[in-house]
Amino acid sequence: MVEITDKMSKRWGTGTVVIPAPREVDEIMKQVHKGRLIIMNQIRGILSQKHGASIGCPITTGIFANIAAHAAEEAAVEGKQNITPYWRTLKSKGGLNEKYPGGVEA
């Protein structure tokens, strides 16, 4: 967790920002049950609450969600069954993530 600097405050306000661990983002994504969805802002909110920060970092959270999605797809290709359901995680404004494996078409 770090203080929000003057440069960052123009975009994120004041307070603190949590830089999550990749596994934290993946674990939240894994908890989304069939028939449910989660948006990146909700993931960031869960992370900020967990760490007592003002916000969760949108940049690293997005990067780590993308890494989790690609790792899950690699695991699926290897035949693994219990993978992170990344397709249930939407972008902050609720859209599909074109950067996930297979893009929006998949």
PDB file of N, CA and C in Angstrom:
ATOM      1  N   MET A   1       0.854  -1.161   0.000  1.00  0.00           N
ATOM      2  CA  MET A   1       0.000   0.000   0.000  1.00  0.00           C
ATOM      3  C   MET A   1       0.903   1.227   0.000  1.00  0.00           C
ATOM      4  N   VAL A   2       0.524   2.221  -0.818  1.00  0.00           N
ATOM      5  CA  VAL A   2       1.308   3.454  -0.903  1.00  0.00           C
ATOM      6  C   VAL A   2       0.373   4.656  -0.865  1.00  0.00           C
ATOM      7  N   GLU A   3       0.931   5.772  -0.465  1.00  0.00           N
ATOM      8  CA  GLU A   3       0.184   7.033  -0.470  1.00  0.00           C
ATOM      9  C   GLU A   3      -0.057   7.462  -1.912  1.00  0.00           C
ATOM     10  N   ILE A   4      -1.207   8.047  -2.157  1.00  0.00           N
ATOM     11  CA  ILE A   4      -1.499   8.599  -3.472  1.00  0.00           C
ATOM     12  C   ILE A   4      -0.758   9.930  -3.584  1.00  0.00           C
ATOM     13  N   THR A   5       0.102  10.029  -4.576  1.00  0.00           N
ATOM     14  CA  THR A   5       0.910  11.234  -4.762  1.00  0.00           C
ATOM     15  C   THR A   5       0.092  12.342  -5.425  1.00  0.00           C
ATOM     16  N   ASP A   6       0.666  13.546  -5.450  1.00  0.00           N
ATOM     17  CA  ASP A   6      -0.002  14.667  -6.111  1.00  0.00           C
ATOM     18  C   ASP A   6      -0.320  14.340  -7.560  1.00  0.00           C
ATOM     19  N   LYS A   7       0.613  13.708  -8.250  1.00  0.00           N
ATOM     20  CA  LYS A   7       0.411  13.357  -9.655  1.00  0.00           C
ATOM     21  C   LYS A   7      -0.756  12.381  -9.811  1.00  0.00           C
ATOM     22  N   MET A   8      -0.823  11.381  -8.929  1.00  0.00           N
ATOM     23  CA  MET A   8      -1.891  10.387  -8.998  1.00  0.00           C
ATOM     24  C   MET A   8      -3.224  10.961  -8.534  1.00  0.00           C
ATOM     25  N   SER A   9      -3.198  11.964  -7.661  1.00  0.00           N
ATOM     26  CA  SER A   9      -4.431  12.476  -7.063  1.00  0.00           C
ATOM     27  C   SER A   9      -5.359  13.119  -8.087  1.00  0.00           C
ATOM     28  N   LYS A  10      -4.817  13.588  -9.189  1.00  0.00           N
ATOM     29  CA  LYS A  10      -5.673  14.169 -10.232  1.00  0.00           C
ATOM     30  C   LYS A  10      -6.652  13.129 -10.768  1.00  0.00           C
ATOM     31  N   ARG A  11      -6.225  11.891 -10.747  1.00  0.00           N
ATOM     32  CA  ARG A  11      -7.045  10.810 -11.277  1.00  0.00           C
ATOM     33  C   ARG A  11      -7.750  10.005 -10.189  1.00  0.00           C
ATOM     34  N   TRP A  12      -7.080   9.816  -9.054  1.00  0.00           N
ATOM     35  CA  TRP A  12      -7.571   8.894  -8.035  1.00  0.00           C
ATOM     36  C   TRP A  12      -7.969   9.542  -6.718  1.00  0.00           C
ATOM     37  N   GLY A  13      -7.828  10.830  -6.579  1.00  0.00           N
ATOM     38  CA  GLY A  13      -8.164  11.484  -5.322  1.00  0.00           C
ATOM     39  C   GLY A  13      -7.031  11.380  -4.321  1.00  0.00           C
ATOM     40  N   THR A  14      -7.372  11.360  -3.047  1.00  0.00           N
ATOM     41  CA  THR A  14      -6.354  11.315  -2.003  1.00  0.00           C
ATOM     42  C   THR A  14      -6.487  10.036  -1.193  1.00  0.00           C
ATOM     43  N   GLY A  15      -5.464   9.767  -0.413  1.00  0.00           N
ATOM     44  CA  GLY A  15      -5.486   8.591   0.457  1.00  0.00           C
ATOM     45  C   GLY A  15      -4.395   7.616   0.098  1.00  0.00           C
ATOM     46  N   THR A  16      -4.762   6.337   0.089  1.00  0.00           N
ATOM     47  CA  THR A  16      -3.793   5.289  -0.189  1.00  0.00           C
ATOM     48  C   THR A  16      -4.311   4.381  -1.299  1.00  0.00           C
ATOM     49  N   VAL A  17      -3.365   3.752  -1.983  1.00  0.00           N
ATOM     50  CA  VAL A  17      -3.705   2.805  -3.051  1.00  0.00           C
ATOM     51  C   VAL A  17      -3.014   1.481  -2.742  1.00  0.00           C
ATOM     52  N   VAL A  18      -3.747   0.398  -2.868  1.00  0.00           N
ATOM     53  CA  VAL A  18      -3.170  -0.923  -2.654  1.00  0.00           C
ATOM     54  C   VAL A  18      -2.734  -1.480  -4.006  1.00  0.00           C
ATOM     55  N   ILE A  19      -1.507  -1.962  -4.053  1.00  0.00           N
ATOM     56  CA  ILE A  19      -0.978  -2.665  -5.209  1.00  0.00           C
ATOM     57  C   ILE A  19      -1.136  -4.145  -4.874  1.00  0.00           C
ATOM     58  N   PRO A  20      -2.107  -4.824  -5.486  1.00  0.00           N
ATOM     59  CA  PRO A  20      -2.380  -6.201  -5.081  1.00  0.00           C
ATOM     60  C   PRO A  20      -1.334  -7.185  -5.586  1.00  0.00           C
ATOM     61  N   ALA A  21      -1.298  -8.320  -4.944  1.00  0.00           N
ATOM     62  CA  ALA A  21      -0.500  -9.436  -5.449  1.00  0.00           C
ATOM     63  C   ALA A  21      -1.315 -10.120  -6.545  1.00  0.00           C
ATOM     64  N   PRO A  22      -0.660 -10.651  -7.563  1.00  0.00           N
ATOM     65  CA  PRO A  22      -1.399 -11.337  -8.633  1.00  0.00           C
ATOM     66  C   PRO A  22      -2.326 -12.438  -8.110  1.00  0.00           C
ATOM     67  N   ARG A  23      -1.881 -13.163  -7.107  1.00  0.00           N
ATOM     68  CA  ARG A  23      -2.708 -14.259  -6.565  1.00  0.00           C
ATOM     69  C   ARG A  23      -3.981 -13.747  -5.908  1.00  0.00           C
ATOM     70  N   GLU A  24      -3.921 -12.536  -5.338  1.00  0.00           N
ATOM     71  CA  GLU A  24      -5.121 -11.969  -4.720  1.00  0.00           C
ATOM     72  C   GLU A  24      -6.200 -11.721  -5.774  1.00  0.00           C
ATOM     73  N   VAL A  25      -5.797 -11.179  -6.903  1.00  0.00           N
ATOM     74  CA  VAL A  25      -6.745 -10.912  -7.985  1.00  0.00           C
ATOM     75  C   VAL A  25      -7.312 -12.236  -8.499  1.00  0.00           C
ATOM     76  N   ASP A  26      -6.446 -13.212  -8.715  1.00  0.00           N
ATOM     77  CA  ASP A  26      -6.876 -14.521  -9.194  1.00  0.00           C
ATOM     78  C   ASP A  26      -7.853 -15.163  -8.212  1.00  0.00           C
ATOM     79  N   GLU A  27      -7.580 -15.094  -6.929  1.00  0.00           N
ATOM     80  CA  GLU A  27      -8.464 -15.700  -5.923  1.00  0.00           C
ATOM     81  C   GLU A  27      -9.851 -15.075  -5.949  1.00  0.00           C
ATOM     82  N   ILE A  28      -9.929 -13.764  -6.117  1.00  0.00           N
ATOM     83  CA  ILE A  28     -11.233 -13.100  -6.194  1.00  0.00           C
ATOM     84  C   ILE A  28     -11.970 -13.568  -7.444  1.00  0.00           C
ATOM     85  N   MET A  29     -11.256 -13.638  -8.567  1.00  0.00           N
ATOM     86  CA  MET A  29     -11.871 -14.098  -9.815  1.00  0.00           C
ATOM     87  C   MET A  29     -12.377 -15.533  -9.693  1.00  0.00           C
ATOM     88  N   LYS A  30     -11.669 -16.369  -8.956  1.00  0.00           N
ATOM     89  CA  LYS A  30     -12.074 -17.767  -8.772  1.00  0.00           C
ATOM     90  C   LYS A  30     -13.358 -17.899  -7.964  1.00  0.00           C
ATOM     91  N   GLN A  31     -13.694 -16.914  -7.169  1.00  0.00           N
ATOM     92  CA  GLN A  31     -14.866 -16.975  -6.296  1.00  0.00           C
ATOM     93  C   GLN A  31     -16.175 -16.622  -6.997  1.00  0.00           C
ATOM     94  N   VAL A  32     -16.098 -16.207  -8.262  1.00  0.00           N
ATOM     95  CA  VAL A  32     -17.309 -15.826  -8.989  1.00  0.00           C
ATOM     96  C   VAL A  32     -17.997 -17.104  -9.490  1.00  0.00           C
ATOM     97  N   HIS A  33     -19.179 -17.356  -8.963  1.00  0.00           N
ATOM     98  CA  HIS A  33     -19.908 -18.584  -9.270  1.00  0.00           C
ATOM     99  C   HIS A  33     -20.588 -18.531 -10.634  1.00  0.00           C
ATOM    100  N   LYS A  34     -20.885 -19.694 -11.155  1.00  0.00           N
ATOM    101  CA  LYS A  34     -21.594 -19.833 -12.427  1.00  0.00           C
ATOM    102  C   LYS A  34     -22.881 -19.013 -12.393  1.00  0.00           C
ATOM    103  N   GLY A  35     -23.125 -18.273 -13.450  1.00  0.00           N
ATOM    104  CA  GLY A  35     -24.322 -17.441 -13.530  1.00  0.00           C
ATOM    105  C   GLY A  35     -24.144 -16.057 -12.935  1.00  0.00           C
ATOM    106  N   ARG A  36     -22.978 -15.775 -12.394  1.00  0.00           N
ATOM    107  CA  ARG A  36     -22.693 -14.473 -11.773  1.00  0.00           C
ATOM    108  C   ARG A  36     -21.566 -13.791 -12.530  1.00  0.00           C
ATOM    109  N   LEU A  37     -21.445 -12.486 -12.349  1.00  0.00           N
ATOM    110  CA  LEU A  37     -20.373 -11.699 -12.962  1.00  0.00           C
ATOM    111  C   LEU A  37     -19.766 -10.776 -11.925  1.00  0.00           C
ATOM    112  N   ILE A  38     -18.574 -10.302 -12.214  1.00  0.00           N
ATOM    113  CA  ILE A  38     -17.931  -9.303 -11.376  1.00  0.00           C
ATOM    114  C   ILE A  38     -17.245  -8.313 -12.317  1.00  0.00           C
ATOM    115  N   ILE A  39     -17.238  -7.046 -11.930  1.00  0.00           N
ATOM    116  CA  ILE A  39     -16.529  -6.054 -12.724  1.00  0.00           C
ATOM    117  C   ILE A  39     -15.239  -5.672 -11.998  1.00  0.00           C
ATOM    118  N   MET A  40     -14.299  -5.161 -12.757  1.00  0.00           N
ATOM    119  CA  MET A  40     -12.992  -4.832 -12.191  1.00  0.00           C
ATOM    120  C   MET A  40     -13.106  -3.870 -11.006  1.00  0.00           C
ATOM    121  N   ASN A  41     -14.041  -2.922 -11.056  1.00  0.00           N
ATOM    122  CA  ASN A  41     -14.199  -1.997  -9.932  1.00  0.00           C
ATOM    123  C   ASN A  41     -14.574  -2.730  -8.649  1.00  0.00           C
ATOM    124  N   GLN A  42     -15.350  -3.803  -8.772  1.00  0.00           N
ATOM    125  CA  GLN A  42     -15.701  -4.583  -7.588  1.00  0.00           C
ATOM    126  C   GLN A  42     -14.467  -5.297  -7.035  1.00  0.00           C
ATOM    127  N   ILE A  43     -13.653  -5.832  -7.913  1.00  0.00           N
ATOM    128  CA  ILE A  43     -12.416  -6.478  -7.471  1.00  0.00           C
ATOM    129  C   ILE A  43     -11.538  -5.470  -6.749  1.00  0.00           C
ATOM    130  N   ARG A  44     -11.399  -4.289  -7.331  1.00  0.00           N
ATOM    131  CA  ARG A  44     -10.589  -3.241  -6.702  1.00  0.00           C
ATOM    132  C   ARG A  44     -11.160  -2.848  -5.340  1.00  0.00           C
ATOM    133  N   GLY A  45     -12.486  -2.811  -5.228  1.00  0.00           N
ATOM    134  CA  GLY A  45     -13.126  -2.483  -3.953  1.00  0.00           C
ATOM    135  C   GLY A  45     -12.859  -3.537  -2.892  1.00  0.00           C
ATOM    136  N   ILE A  46     -12.913  -4.799  -3.290  1.00  0.00           N
ATOM    137  CA  ILE A  46     -12.614  -5.894  -2.364  1.00  0.00           C
ATOM    138  C   ILE A  46     -11.175  -5.788  -1.873  1.00  0.00           C
ATOM    139  N   LEU A  47     -10.264  -5.505  -2.795  1.00  0.00           N
ATOM    140  CA  LEU A  47      -8.850  -5.380  -2.439  1.00  0.00           C
ATOM    141  C   LEU A  47      -8.602  -4.194  -1.508  1.00  0.00           C
ATOM    142  N   SER A  48      -9.221  -3.062  -1.813  1.00  0.00           N
ATOM    143  CA  SER A  48      -8.993  -1.882  -0.972  1.00  0.00           C
ATOM    144  C   SER A  48      -9.565  -2.097   0.425  1.00  0.00           C
ATOM    145  N   GLN A  49     -10.715  -2.742   0.512  1.00  0.00           N
ATOM    146  CA  GLN A  49     -11.310  -3.020   1.820  1.00  0.00           C
ATOM    147  C   GLN A  49     -10.428  -3.991   2.617  1.00  0.00           C
ATOM    148  N   LYS A  50      -9.941  -5.021   1.945  1.00  0.00           N
ATOM    149  CA  LYS A  50      -9.099  -6.023   2.604  1.00  0.00           C
ATOM    150  C   LYS A  50      -7.845  -5.393   3.211  1.00  0.00           C
ATOM    151  N   HIS A  51      -7.268  -4.437   2.498  1.00  0.00           N
ATOM    152  CA  HIS A  51      -6.009  -3.837   2.935  1.00  0.00           C
ATOM    153  C   HIS A  51      -6.177  -2.487   3.630  1.00  0.00           C
ATOM    154  N   GLY A  52      -7.406  -2.012   3.763  1.00  0.00           N
ATOM    155  CA  GLY A  52      -7.647  -0.733   4.420  1.00  0.00           C
ATOM    156  C   GLY A  52      -7.143   0.447   3.613  1.00  0.00           C
ATOM    157  N   ALA A  53      -7.195   0.349   2.300  1.00  0.00           N
ATOM    158  CA  ALA A  53      -6.731   1.419   1.416  1.00  0.00           C
ATOM    159  C   ALA A  53      -7.932   2.188   0.872  1.00  0.00           C
ATOM    160  N   SER A  54      -7.661   3.362   0.350  1.00  0.00           N
ATOM    161  CA  SER A  54      -8.719   4.171  -0.267  1.00  0.00           C
ATOM    162  C   SER A  54      -9.198   3.547  -1.566  1.00  0.00           C
ATOM    163  N   ILE A  55      -8.250   3.039  -2.374  1.00  0.00           N
ATOM    164  CA  ILE A  55      -8.597   2.412  -3.651  1.00  0.00           C
ATOM    165  C   ILE A  55      -7.659   1.239  -3.932  1.00  0.00           C
ATOM    166  N   GLY A  56      -8.088   0.394  -4.844  1.00  0.00           N
ATOM    167  CA  GLY A  56      -7.233  -0.654  -5.388  1.00  0.00           C
ATOM    168  C   GLY A  56      -6.670  -0.145  -6.701  1.00  0.00           C
ATOM    169  N   CYS A  57      -5.427  -0.407  -6.962  1.00  0.00           N
ATOM    170  CA  CYS A  57      -4.769   0.103  -8.167  1.00  0.00           C
ATOM    171  C   CYS A  57      -5.443  -0.451  -9.425  1.00  0.00           C
ATOM    172  N   PRO A  58      -5.987   0.429 -10.268  1.00  0.00           N
ATOM    173  CA  PRO A  58      -6.645  -0.055 -11.477  1.00  0.00           C
ATOM    174  C   PRO A  58      -5.674  -0.643 -12.495  1.00  0.00           C
ATOM    175  N   ILE A  59      -4.468  -0.145 -12.522  1.00  0.00           N
ATOM    176  CA  ILE A  59      -3.495  -0.619 -13.508  1.00  0.00           C
ATOM    177  C   ILE A  59      -3.046  -2.037 -13.190  1.00  0.00           C
ATOM    178  N   THR A  60      -2.525  -2.250 -11.988  1.00  0.00           N
ATOM    179  CA  THR A  60      -2.017  -3.584 -11.652  1.00  0.00           C
ATOM    180  C   THR A  60      -3.151  -4.605 -11.532  1.00  0.00           C
ATOM    181  N   THR A  61      -4.304  -4.191 -11.047  1.00  0.00           N
ATOM    182  CA  THR A  61      -5.428  -5.120 -10.951  1.00  0.00           C
ATOM    183  C   THR A  61      -5.816  -5.617 -12.340  1.00  0.00           C
ATOM    184  N   GLY A  62      -5.860  -4.727 -13.305  1.00  0.00           N
ATOM    185  CA  GLY A  62      -6.178  -5.109 -14.672  1.00  0.00           C
ATOM    186  C   GLY A  62      -5.128  -6.015 -15.284  1.00  0.00           C
ATOM    187  N   ILE A  63      -3.869  -5.686 -15.054  1.00  0.00           N
ATOM    188  CA  ILE A  63      -2.776  -6.513 -15.575  1.00  0.00           C
ATOM    189  C   ILE A  63      -2.846  -7.914 -14.978  1.00  0.00           C
ATOM    190  N   PHE A  64      -3.060  -7.996 -13.665  1.00  0.00           N
ATOM    191  CA  PHE A  64      -3.081  -9.294 -13.003  1.00  0.00           C
ATOM    192  C   PHE A  64      -4.316 -10.110 -13.397  1.00  0.00           C
ATOM    193  N   ALA A  65      -5.427  -9.455 -13.666  1.00  0.00           N
ATOM    194  CA  ALA A  65      -6.612 -10.176 -14.154  1.00  0.00           C
ATOM    195  C   ALA A  65      -6.319 -10.775 -15.526  1.00  0.00           C
ATOM    196  N   ASN A  66      -5.634 -10.039 -16.361  1.00  0.00           N
ATOM    197  CA  ASN A  66      -5.267 -10.527 -17.688  1.00  0.00           C
ATOM    198  C   ASN A  66      -4.310 -11.718 -17.581  1.00  0.00           C
ATOM    199  N   ILE A  67      -3.351 -11.624 -16.687  1.00  0.00           N
ATOM    200  CA  ILE A  67      -2.417 -12.735 -16.470  1.00  0.00           C
ATOM    201  C   ILE A  67      -3.184 -13.970 -15.981  1.00  0.00           C
ATOM    202  N   ALA A  68      -4.119 -13.774 -15.052  1.00  0.00           N
ATOM    203  CA  ALA A  68      -4.917 -14.895 -14.533  1.00  0.00           C
ATOM    204  C   ALA A  68      -5.731 -15.539 -15.651  1.00  0.00           C
ATOM    205  N   ALA A  69      -6.280 -14.725 -16.539  1.00  0.00           N
ATOM    206  CA  ALA A  69      -7.075 -15.244 -17.651  1.00  0.00           C
ATOM    207  C   ALA A  69      -6.222 -16.097 -18.584  1.00  0.00           C
ATOM    208  N   HIS A  70      -5.054 -15.606 -18.921  1.00  0.00           N
ATOM    209  CA  HIS A  70      -4.190 -16.363 -19.829  1.00  0.00           C
ATOM    210  C   HIS A  70      -3.642 -17.627 -19.169  1.00  0.00           C
ATOM    211  N   ALA A  71      -3.333 -17.550 -17.878  1.00  0.00           N
ATOM    212  CA  ALA A  71      -2.873 -18.739 -17.158  1.00  0.00           C
ATOM    213  C   ALA A  71      -3.986 -19.789 -17.100  1.00  0.00           C
ATOM    214  N   ALA A  72      -5.226 -19.342 -16.884  1.00  0.00           N
ATOM    215  CA  ALA A  72      -6.357 -20.264 -16.842  1.00  0.00           C
ATOM    216  C   ALA A  72      -6.561 -20.938 -18.196  1.00  0.00           C
ATOM    217  N   GLU A  73      -6.418 -20.164 -19.251  1.00  0.00           N
ATOM    218  CA  GLU A  73      -6.596 -20.739 -20.593  1.00  0.00           C
ATOM    219  C   GLU A  73      -5.497 -21.756 -20.895  1.00  0.00           C
ATOM    220  N   GLU A  74      -4.276 -21.458 -20.485  1.00  0.00           N
ATOM    221  CA  GLU A  74      -3.182 -22.422 -20.660  1.00  0.00           C
ATOM    222  C   GLU A  74      -3.468 -23.705 -19.892  1.00  0.00           C
ATOM    223  N   ALA A  75      -3.985 -23.555 -18.672  1.00  0.00           N
ATOM    224  CA  ALA A  75      -4.324 -24.730 -17.858  1.00  0.00           C
ATOM    225  C   ALA A  75      -5.438 -25.538 -18.527  1.00  0.00           C
ATOM    226  N   ALA A  76      -6.412 -24.866 -19.123  1.00  0.00           N
ATOM    227  CA  ALA A  76      -7.510 -25.564 -19.804  1.00  0.00           C
ATOM    228  C   ALA A  76      -6.984 -26.355 -21.000  1.00  0.00           C
ATOM    229  N   VAL A  77      -6.051 -25.780 -21.736  1.00  0.00           N
ATOM    230  CA  VAL A  77      -5.453 -26.469 -22.884  1.00  0.00           C
ATOM    231  C   VAL A  77      -4.707 -27.721 -22.424  1.00  0.00           C
ATOM    232  N   GLU A  78      -4.135 -27.659 -21.220  1.00  0.00           N
ATOM    233  CA  GLU A  78      -3.430 -28.808 -20.648  1.00  0.00           C
ATOM    234  C   GLU A  78      -4.398 -29.850 -20.097  1.00  0.00           C
ATOM    235  N   GLY A  79      -5.697 -29.558 -20.147  1.00  0.00           N
ATOM    236  CA  GLY A  79      -6.694 -30.511 -19.691  1.00  0.00           C
ATOM    237  C   GLY A  79      -7.150 -30.330 -18.253  1.00  0.00           C
ATOM    238  N   LYS A  80      -6.693 -29.304 -17.591  1.00  0.00           N
ATOM    239  CA  LYS A  80      -7.110 -29.073 -16.204  1.00  0.00           C
ATOM    240  C   LYS A  80      -8.556 -28.594 -16.178  1.00  0.00           C
ATOM    241  N   GLN A  81      -9.283 -29.017 -15.166  1.00  0.00           N
ATOM    242  CA  GLN A  81     -10.712 -28.726 -15.065  1.00  0.00           C
ATOM    243  C   GLN A  81     -11.032 -27.516 -14.203  1.00  0.00           C
ATOM    244  N   ASN A  82     -10.386 -27.389 -13.075  1.00  0.00           N
ATOM    245  CA  ASN A  82     -10.713 -26.341 -12.105  1.00  0.00           C
ATOM    246  C   ASN A  82      -9.867 -25.094 -12.381  1.00  0.00           C
ATOM    247  N   ILE A  83     -10.291 -24.306 -13.372  1.00  0.00           N
ATOM    248  CA  ILE A  83      -9.526 -23.112 -13.736  1.00  0.00           C
ATOM    249  C   ILE A  83     -10.279 -21.852 -13.319  1.00  0.00           C
ATOM    250  N   THR A  84      -9.581 -20.748 -13.302  1.00  0.00           N
ATOM    251  CA  THR A  84     -10.203 -19.459 -12.981  1.00  0.00           C
ATOM    252  C   THR A  84     -11.213 -19.107 -14.072  1.00  0.00           C
ATOM    253  N   PRO A  85     -12.478 -18.847 -13.707  1.00  0.00           N
ATOM    254  CA  PRO A  85     -13.494 -18.511 -14.707  1.00  0.00           C
ATOM    255  C   PRO A  85     -13.392 -17.035 -15.125  1.00  0.00           C
ATOM    256  N   TYR A  86     -12.342 -16.717 -15.825  1.00  0.00           N
ATOM    257  CA  TYR A  86     -12.040 -15.331 -16.186  1.00  0.00           C
ATOM    258  C   TYR A  86     -13.127 -14.678 -17.032  1.00  0.00           C
ATOM    259  N   TRP A  87     -13.884 -15.459 -17.776  1.00  0.00           N
ATOM    260  CA  TRP A  87     -14.938 -14.930 -18.635  1.00  0.00           C
ATOM    261  C   TRP A  87     -16.066 -14.291 -17.839  1.00  0.00           C
ATOM    262  N   ARG A  88     -16.071 -14.497 -16.528  1.00  0.00           N
ATOM    263  CA  ARG A  88     -17.077 -13.882 -15.654  1.00  0.00           C
ATOM    264  C   ARG A  88     -16.622 -12.529 -15.117  1.00  0.00           C
ATOM    265  N   THR A  89     -15.412 -12.108 -15.461  1.00  0.00           N
ATOM    266  CA  THR A  89     -14.878 -10.829 -15.012  1.00  0.00           C
ATOM    267  C   THR A  89     -14.948  -9.836 -16.159  1.00  0.00           C
ATOM    268  N   LEU A  90     -15.688  -8.754 -15.933  1.00  0.00           N
ATOM    269  CA  LEU A  90     -15.881  -7.737 -16.960  1.00  0.00           C
ATOM    270  C   LEU A  90     -15.021  -6.509 -16.679  1.00  0.00           C
ATOM    271  N   LYS A  91     -14.846  -5.706 -17.702  1.00  0.00           N
ATOM    272  CA  LYS A  91     -14.107  -4.454 -17.550  1.00  0.00           C
ATOM    273  C   LYS A  91     -14.875  -3.522 -16.622  1.00  0.00           C
ATOM    274  N   SER A  92     -14.236  -2.445 -16.201  1.00  0.00           N
ATOM    275  CA  SER A  92     -14.824  -1.544 -15.209  1.00  0.00           C
ATOM    276  C   SER A  92     -16.178  -0.973 -15.593  1.00  0.00           C
ATOM    277  N   LYS A  93     -16.407  -0.764 -16.873  1.00  0.00           N
ATOM    278  CA  LYS A  93     -17.705  -0.222 -17.299  1.00  0.00           C
ATOM    279  C   LYS A  93     -18.682  -1.319 -17.709  1.00  0.00           C
ATOM    280  N   GLY A  94     -18.333  -2.584 -17.426  1.00  0.00           N
ATOM    281  CA  GLY A  94     -19.233  -3.696 -17.663  1.00  0.00           C
ATOM    282  C   GLY A  94     -19.080  -4.383 -19.002  1.00  0.00           C
ATOM    283  N   GLY A  95     -18.116  -3.971 -19.805  1.00  0.00           N
ATOM    284  CA  GLY A  95     -17.930  -4.589 -21.113  1.00  0.00           C
ATOM    285  C   GLY A  95     -17.060  -5.827 -21.056  1.00  0.00           C
ATOM    286  N   LEU A  96     -17.120  -6.592 -22.135  1.00  0.00           N
ATOM    287  CA  LEU A  96     -16.248  -7.756 -22.261  1.00  0.00           C
ATOM    288  C   LEU A  96     -14.808  -7.302 -22.452  1.00  0.00           C
ATOM    289  N   ASN A  97     -13.882  -8.109 -21.990  1.00  0.00           N
ATOM    290  CA  ASN A  97     -12.468  -7.754 -22.101  1.00  0.00           C
ATOM    291  C   ASN A  97     -11.875  -8.370 -23.358  1.00  0.00           C
ATOM    292  N   GLU A  98     -11.574  -7.544 -24.325  1.00  0.00           N
ATOM    293  CA  GLU A  98     -11.030  -8.013 -25.590  1.00  0.00           C
ATOM    294  C   GLU A  98      -9.608  -8.563 -25.455  1.00  0.00           C
ATOM    295  N   LYS A  99      -8.971  -8.314 -24.331  1.00  0.00           N
ATOM    296  CA  LYS A  99      -7.605  -8.806 -24.121  1.00  0.00           C
ATOM    297  C   LYS A  99      -7.564 -10.228 -23.546  1.00  0.00           C
ATOM    298  N   TYR A 100      -8.704 -10.737 -23.132  1.00  0.00           N
ATOM    299  CA  TYR A 100      -8.747 -12.092 -22.615  1.00  0.00           C
ATOM    300  C   TYR A 100      -8.557 -13.081 -23.768  1.00  0.00           C
ATOM    301  N   PRO A 101      -8.161 -14.309 -23.457  1.00  0.00           N
ATOM    302  CA  PRO A 101      -7.924 -15.305 -24.515  1.00  0.00           C
ATOM    303  C   PRO A 101      -9.113 -15.429 -25.473  1.00  0.00           C
ATOM    304  N   GLY A 102      -8.828 -15.346 -26.749  1.00  0.00           N
ATOM    305  CA  GLY A 102      -9.867 -15.462 -27.755  1.00  0.00           C
ATOM    306  C   GLY A 102     -10.617 -14.177 -28.037  1.00  0.00           C
ATOM    307  N   GLY A 103     -10.350 -13.134 -27.243  1.00  0.00           N
ATOM    308  CA  GLY A 103     -11.017 -11.851 -27.443  1.00  0.00           C
ATOM    309  C   GLY A 103     -12.505 -11.911 -27.182  1.00  0.00           C
ATOM    310  N   VAL A 104     -13.209 -10.917 -27.632  1.00  0.00           N
ATOM    311  CA  VAL A 104     -14.651 -10.818 -27.422  1.00  0.00           C
ATOM    312  C   VAL A 104     -15.377 -11.950 -28.141  1.00  0.00           C
ATOM    313  N   GLU A 105     -14.835 -12.393 -29.260  1.00  0.00           N
ATOM    314  CA  GLU A 105     -15.469 -13.465 -30.025  1.00  0.00           C
ATOM    315  C   GLU A 105     -15.622 -14.742 -29.201  1.00  0.00           C
ATOM    316  N   ALA A 106     -14.614 -15.051 -28.404  1.00  0.00           N
ATOM    317  CA  ALA A 106     -14.662 -16.266 -27.579  1.00  0.00           C
ATOM    318  C   ALA A 106     -15.685 -16.111 -26.479  1.00  0.00           C
TER     319      ALA A 106
END
